[in-house]
């Protein structure tokens, strides 16, 4: 009996871990398993396969895939359409990302104040986000139609002539930028609204008691507290600007003369129109590395100015 008592005491004393200590980590991993499974199947595995395919030549018919080494990347460096698509995409991102963020912040500051019809204004600003891009593109195609479109009809009232906004290489990319800004600013506004409502009113009141005007209060108090949201919105806006494809397909098809060809559209065109899937994988790999580098730079540059409460 004494031996049995000593044995049971040693177990209770911690020699063998209780069952609930072993069960808790297992429960945590089981709860994470569905998300991890989707992440591996739909993100990590396709990424690895894409990178591997970029080092091979695309098989055609009975011809099997052959190892290309760096030949696909050498062809990419000599591809003028790739460089044009890259320039178009960099310009597209340089315009749409800051303009969308500034406009979203302005709309959030306005609708966060005590104005009449505040709920209606928020809905009106957010409404373009709820539209599918195909539907939004068709609306803007009507706006941009030469002579009969809404923009030209308004211009005729002031004596302006007709303009083929989507058919002119000098204006087609800018026309796509306007649609992207119109559609995304309302979505980013929601994040800024949520962030503004988390700022303690006492901080604003303290700045006003110190004699700060509206601009100084915004610049010294509100904007620094919004930097975590700005970093989040900026990274998402940058990624969105490099994965535009449905808008290009619906409105311009990459034309005129590749003036609106963006990188993801070029990947789509190469892989599914020309059936050179492994060359499309090469473009995708370069795009993935470029986006990773740009996102890292964003975190490195703005991370020092982000203050989490």
Protein backbone atom coordinates (compact mmCIF):
# COMPACT_ATOMS: atom_id res chain seq x y z
CA UNK A 1 0.00 0.00 0.00
CA UNK A 2 2.80 2.38 0.88
CA UNK A 3 4.55 1.62 -2.40
CA UNK A 4 1.33 2.20 -4.32
CA UNK A 5 0.87 5.48 -2.48
CA UNK A 6 4.41 6.58 -3.33
CA UNK A 7 3.93 5.66 -7.00
CA UNK A 8 0.70 7.61 -7.29
CA UNK A 9 2.26 10.56 -5.50
CA UNK A 10 5.16 10.65 -7.96
CA UNK A 11 2.72 10.85 -10.87
CA UNK A 12 0.75 13.62 -9.19
CA UNK A 13 3.97 15.41 -8.33
CA UNK A 14 4.77 16.03 -11.97
CA UNK A 15 6.85 13.06 -13.12
CA UNK A 16 4.24 12.35 -15.84
CA UNK A 17 2.58 15.42 -17.37
CA UNK A 18 -1.18 15.73 -16.89
CA UNK A 19 -3.33 14.79 -19.85
CA UNK A 20 -4.75 18.30 -20.25
CA UNK A 21 -1.23 19.74 -20.74
CA UNK A 22 -0.72 17.45 -23.71
CA UNK A 23 -4.23 18.02 -25.08
CA UNK A 24 -4.03 21.84 -25.20
CA UNK A 25 -1.25 22.09 -27.85
CA UNK A 26 -2.94 19.37 -29.89
CA UNK A 27 -6.22 21.31 -29.81
CA UNK A 28 -4.43 24.46 -30.95
CA UNK A 29 -2.85 22.70 -33.92
CA UNK A 30 -6.16 21.09 -34.86
CA UNK A 31 -7.82 24.51 -34.86
CA UNK A 32 -5.06 25.89 -37.09
CA UNK A 33 -5.10 22.88 -39.42
CA UNK A 34 -7.87 24.08 -41.83
CA UNK A 35 -6.19 27.46 -42.35
CA UNK A 36 -2.76 25.85 -42.70
CA UNK A 37 -4.15 23.34 -45.19
CA UNK A 38 -5.63 26.08 -47.38
CA UNK A 39 -2.41 28.11 -47.08
CA UNK A 40 -0.26 25.19 -48.19
CA UNK A 41 -2.56 23.97 -50.98
CA UNK A 42 -3.52 27.32 -52.49
CA UNK A 43 -0.51 29.56 -51.71
CA UNK A 44 2.72 27.84 -50.75
CA UNK A 45 2.53 24.82 -53.07
CA UNK A 46 1.52 26.84 -56.19
CA UNK A 47 4.29 29.32 -55.46
CA UNK A 48 6.91 26.57 -55.26
CA UNK A 49 5.60 24.93 -58.45
CA UNK A 50 5.63 28.29 -60.26
CA UNK A 51 9.25 28.95 -59.29
CA UNK A 52 10.27 25.46 -60.43
CA UNK A 53 8.41 25.81 -63.75
CA UNK A 54 10.25 29.05 -64.48
CA UNK A 55 13.43 27.02 -65.08
CA UNK A 56 11.84 24.83 -67.77
CA UNK A 57 10.61 25.27 -71.34
CA UNK A 58 6.87 24.83 -71.88
CA UNK A 59 5.92 21.42 -73.33
CA UNK A 60 3.98 21.54 -76.59
CA UNK A 61 2.01 18.56 -77.85
CA UNK A 62 4.13 15.43 -77.75
CA UNK A 63 7.23 17.47 -76.96
CA UNK A 64 8.10 17.09 -73.28
CA UNK A 65 9.29 19.93 -71.09
CA UNK A 66 13.05 20.45 -71.17
CA UNK A 67 15.26 22.09 -68.60
CA UNK A 68 15.96 25.73 -69.49
CA UNK A 69 18.18 26.86 -66.67
CA UNK A 70 18.33 30.66 -66.78
CA UNK A 71 17.29 30.83 -70.44
CA UNK A 72 13.74 31.92 -69.58
CA UNK A 73 15.07 34.78 -67.47
CA UNK A 74 17.49 35.80 -70.21
CA UNK A 75 14.57 35.87 -72.66
CA UNK A 76 12.61 37.95 -70.17
CA UNK A 77 15.39 40.53 -69.97
CA UNK A 78 15.30 40.85 -73.77
CA UNK A 79 11.48 41.01 -73.96
CA UNK A 80 10.38 44.57 -74.87
CA UNK A 81 6.74 43.90 -74.00
CA UNK A 82 7.73 42.82 -70.49
CA UNK A 83 9.65 46.05 -69.95
CA UNK A 84 6.75 48.11 -71.25
CA UNK A 85 4.33 46.27 -68.98
CA UNK A 86 6.71 46.84 -66.06
CA UNK A 87 6.93 50.57 -66.81
CA UNK A 88 3.16 50.77 -67.13
CA UNK A 89 2.68 48.96 -63.84
CA UNK A 90 5.20 51.10 -61.97
CA UNK A 91 3.49 54.26 -63.21
CA UNK A 92 0.09 52.77 -62.38
CA UNK A 93 1.23 51.99 -58.82
CA UNK A 94 2.99 55.35 -58.37
CA UNK A 95 -0.27 57.17 -59.11
CA UNK A 96 -3.04 54.94 -57.76
CA UNK A 97 -1.45 54.00 -54.42
CA UNK A 98 -0.80 57.49 -52.95
CA UNK A 99 -3.91 59.06 -54.50
CA UNK A 100 -6.16 56.27 -53.17
CA UNK A 101 -4.66 56.57 -49.68
CA UNK A 102 -4.92 60.36 -49.55
CA UNK A 103 -8.47 60.32 -50.88
CA UNK A 104 -9.48 57.55 -48.47
CA UNK A 105 -8.04 59.50 -45.52
CA UNK A 106 -9.80 62.69 -46.62
CA UNK A 107 -13.15 60.90 -46.94
CA UNK A 108 -12.68 59.24 -43.55
CA UNK A 109 -11.87 62.54 -41.84
CA UNK A 110 -14.89 64.17 -43.45
CA UNK A 111 -17.41 61.44 -42.66
CA UNK A 112 -16.01 60.98 -39.16
CA UNK A 113 -17.05 64.52 -38.28
CA UNK A 114 -20.46 65.71 -37.22
CA UNK A 115 -22.05 66.36 -40.60
CA UNK A 116 -25.59 65.88 -41.81
CA UNK A 117 -26.19 62.70 -43.77
CA UNK A 118 -23.01 61.12 -42.46
CA UNK A 119 -24.30 57.56 -42.90
CA UNK A 120 -25.42 58.31 -46.46
CA UNK A 121 -22.03 59.79 -47.33
CA UNK A 122 -20.22 56.76 -45.97
CA UNK A 123 -22.45 54.48 -48.04
CA UNK A 124 -21.94 56.60 -51.15
CA UNK A 125 -18.15 56.48 -50.79
CA UNK A 126 -18.16 52.75 -50.10
CA UNK A 127 -20.64 51.83 -52.86
CA UNK A 128 -18.04 51.48 -55.68
CA UNK A 129 -16.24 48.85 -53.61
CA UNK A 130 -19.33 46.63 -53.59
CA UNK A 131 -19.53 46.60 -57.39
CA UNK A 132 -17.71 43.77 -59.19
CA UNK A 133 -14.88 45.06 -61.34
CA UNK A 134 -16.55 43.82 -64.54
CA UNK A 135 -19.66 45.86 -63.75
CA UNK A 136 -17.63 48.92 -62.78
CA UNK A 137 -15.58 48.61 -65.98
CA UNK A 138 -18.73 48.54 -68.10
CA UNK A 139 -20.01 51.68 -66.38
CA UNK A 140 -16.77 53.51 -67.07
CA UNK A 141 -16.64 52.27 -70.66
CA UNK A 142 -19.88 54.17 -71.16
CA UNK A 143 -18.33 57.25 -69.53
CA UNK A 144 -15.27 57.04 -71.77
CA UNK A 145 -17.03 56.29 -75.07
CA UNK A 146 -15.96 58.82 -77.69
CA UNK A 147 -18.57 61.44 -78.57
CA UNK A 148 -21.48 59.57 -76.94
CA UNK A 149 -20.00 58.96 -73.50
CA UNK A 150 -20.91 60.96 -70.42
CA UNK A 151 -17.51 62.69 -70.23
CA UNK A 152 -17.65 63.87 -73.85
CA UNK A 153 -21.29 64.88 -73.47
CA UNK A 154 -20.36 67.13 -70.56
CA UNK A 155 -17.37 68.42 -72.52
CA UNK A 156 -19.61 69.33 -75.46
CA UNK A 157 -21.51 71.70 -73.16
CA UNK A 158 -18.29 73.71 -72.77
CA UNK A 159 -17.26 73.52 -76.40
CA UNK A 160 -14.81 70.63 -76.06
CA UNK A 161 -14.41 68.11 -78.86
CA UNK A 162 -14.61 64.32 -78.82
CA UNK A 163 -11.84 62.24 -77.35
CA UNK A 164 -11.20 58.50 -77.53
CA UNK A 165 -10.05 58.08 -73.94
CA UNK A 166 -9.48 54.31 -74.10
CA UNK A 167 -8.19 54.28 -77.67
CA UNK A 168 -5.47 56.88 -77.24
CA UNK A 169 -2.12 55.56 -75.96
CA UNK A 170 -1.56 58.82 -74.07
CA UNK A 171 -4.80 58.65 -72.06
CA UNK A 172 -5.74 54.95 -71.87
CA UNK A 173 -3.59 54.10 -68.84
CA UNK A 174 -4.73 57.23 -67.01
CA UNK A 175 -8.33 56.24 -67.67
CA UNK A 176 -7.70 52.89 -65.98
CA UNK A 177 -6.08 54.66 -63.02
CA UNK A 178 -9.19 56.78 -62.46
CA UNK A 179 -11.36 53.66 -62.28
CA UNK A 180 -8.99 51.97 -59.81
CA UNK A 181 -8.87 55.02 -57.53
CA UNK A 182 -12.66 55.42 -57.68
CA UNK A 183 -13.14 51.79 -56.72
CA UNK A 184 -10.49 51.38 -54.01
CA UNK A 185 -10.60 54.65 -52.08
CA UNK A 186 -13.91 53.81 -50.43
CA UNK A 187 -12.59 50.43 -49.30
CA UNK A 188 -9.54 51.97 -47.65
CA UNK A 189 -11.75 54.66 -46.11
CA UNK A 190 -13.36 52.00 -43.88
CA UNK A 191 -10.01 51.16 -42.27
CA UNK A 192 -9.27 54.82 -41.61
CA UNK A 193 -12.74 55.31 -40.12
CA UNK A 194 -12.15 52.44 -37.72
CA UNK A 195 -8.74 53.85 -36.77
CA UNK A 196 -10.07 57.38 -36.24
CA UNK A 197 -12.74 56.09 -33.87
CA UNK A 198 -10.06 54.41 -31.76
CA UNK A 199 -8.15 57.65 -31.10
CA UNK A 200 -8.85 58.83 -27.53
CA UNK A 201 -10.67 62.20 -27.61
CA UNK A 202 -8.55 63.30 -24.67
CA UNK A 203 -5.48 63.51 -26.92
CA UNK A 204 -7.27 65.84 -29.33
CA UNK A 205 -8.58 67.95 -26.47
CA UNK A 206 -5.11 68.18 -24.93
CA UNK A 207 -3.65 69.42 -28.22
CA UNK A 208 -6.38 72.04 -28.53
CA UNK A 209 -5.78 73.20 -24.97
CA UNK A 210 -2.12 73.67 -25.86
CA UNK A 211 -3.20 76.04 -28.63
CA UNK A 212 -2.79 73.74 -31.62
CA UNK A 213 -4.93 74.60 -34.62
CA UNK A 214 -6.76 72.04 -36.76
CA UNK A 215 -3.80 71.39 -39.07
CA UNK A 216 -1.30 71.06 -36.21
CA UNK A 217 -3.63 68.69 -34.37
CA UNK A 218 -3.95 66.54 -37.46
CA UNK A 219 -0.23 66.57 -38.29
CA UNK A 220 1.11 66.09 -34.77
CA UNK A 221 -1.56 63.89 -33.17
CA UNK A 222 -4.00 62.27 -35.60
CA UNK A 223 -1.65 61.32 -38.43
CA UNK A 224 1.02 59.62 -36.25
CA UNK A 225 -1.68 57.55 -34.57
CA UNK A 226 -2.96 56.53 -38.01
CA UNK A 227 0.43 55.26 -39.20
CA UNK A 228 -0.27 51.56 -38.43
CA UNK A 229 -3.39 51.80 -40.59
CA UNK A 230 -1.50 53.72 -43.27
CA UNK A 231 1.16 51.01 -43.40
CA UNK A 232 -1.47 48.29 -43.69
CA UNK A 233 -3.42 50.17 -46.36
CA UNK A 234 -0.23 51.06 -48.25
CA UNK A 235 0.96 47.45 -48.49
CA UNK A 236 -2.46 46.27 -49.65
CA UNK A 237 -2.79 49.09 -52.16
CA UNK A 238 0.65 48.28 -53.58
CA UNK A 239 -0.21 44.60 -53.96
CA UNK A 240 -3.56 45.46 -55.56
CA UNK A 241 -1.86 47.72 -58.09
CA UNK A 242 0.28 44.82 -59.32
CA UNK A 243 -2.51 42.26 -59.65
CA UNK A 244 -4.84 44.13 -61.97
CA UNK A 245 -6.12 41.92 -64.76
CA UNK A 246 -9.94 41.89 -65.02
CA UNK A 247 -10.08 45.65 -65.45
CA UNK A 248 -7.58 45.54 -68.32
CA UNK A 249 -9.36 42.63 -70.02
CA UNK A 250 -12.74 44.35 -69.78
CA UNK A 251 -11.75 47.86 -70.82
CA UNK A 252 -8.73 47.83 -73.14
CA UNK A 253 -7.38 44.31 -73.67
CA UNK A 254 -3.91 45.70 -73.04
CA UNK A 255 -4.10 48.15 -75.94
CA UNK A 256 -3.70 50.36 -77.72
CA UNK A 257 -0.21 49.18 -78.68
CA UNK A 258 0.36 47.65 -75.19
CA UNK A 259 -0.17 51.05 -73.58
CA UNK A 260 -2.28 49.47 -70.83
CA UNK A 261 -0.56 46.10 -70.61
CA UNK A 262 0.23 45.44 -66.94
CA UNK A 263 2.32 42.61 -65.52
CA UNK A 264 -0.45 40.27 -64.38
CA UNK A 265 -2.31 40.85 -67.65
CA UNK A 266 0.89 39.97 -69.52
CA UNK A 267 1.16 36.78 -67.42
CA UNK A 268 -2.44 35.93 -68.29
CA UNK A 269 -1.88 36.72 -71.96
CA UNK A 270 1.33 34.69 -72.14
CA UNK A 271 0.04 31.65 -70.26
CA UNK A 272 -3.53 31.40 -71.54
CA UNK A 273 -3.53 33.16 -74.92
CA UNK A 274 -0.10 32.10 -76.19
CA UNK A 275 -0.03 28.88 -74.07
CA UNK A 276 3.53 29.50 -72.93
CA UNK A 277 2.76 28.64 -69.32
CA UNK A 278 6.36 28.23 -68.14
CA UNK A 279 7.33 31.64 -69.49
CA UNK A 280 4.31 33.00 -67.65
CA UNK A 281 5.71 31.32 -64.54
CA UNK A 282 8.98 33.17 -65.11
CA UNK A 283 7.17 36.53 -65.22
CA UNK A 284 5.17 35.55 -62.11
CA UNK A 285 8.37 34.66 -60.21
CA UNK A 286 9.96 38.01 -61.03
CA UNK A 287 6.75 39.77 -60.01
CA UNK A 288 6.63 37.84 -56.74
CA UNK A 289 10.22 38.76 -55.89
CA UNK A 290 9.61 42.39 -56.84
CA UNK A 291 6.50 42.66 -54.67
CA UNK A 292 8.32 41.05 -51.77
CA UNK A 293 11.14 43.58 -52.09
CA UNK A 294 8.76 46.54 -52.33
CA UNK A 295 6.77 45.35 -49.31
CA UNK A 296 9.98 44.91 -47.33
CA UNK A 297 11.02 48.46 -48.23
CA UNK A 298 7.65 49.77 -47.13
CA UNK A 299 7.99 48.11 -43.74
CA UNK A 300 11.60 49.27 -43.42
CA UNK A 301 10.86 52.89 -44.34
CA UNK A 302 7.58 53.36 -42.49
CA UNK A 303 8.14 50.90 -39.64
CA UNK A 304 10.12 53.48 -37.67
CA UNK A 305 7.21 55.92 -37.83
CA UNK A 306 4.58 53.40 -36.80
CA UNK A 307 3.58 53.55 -33.16
CA UNK A 308 1.33 50.78 -31.87
CA UNK A 309 -0.74 51.47 -28.81
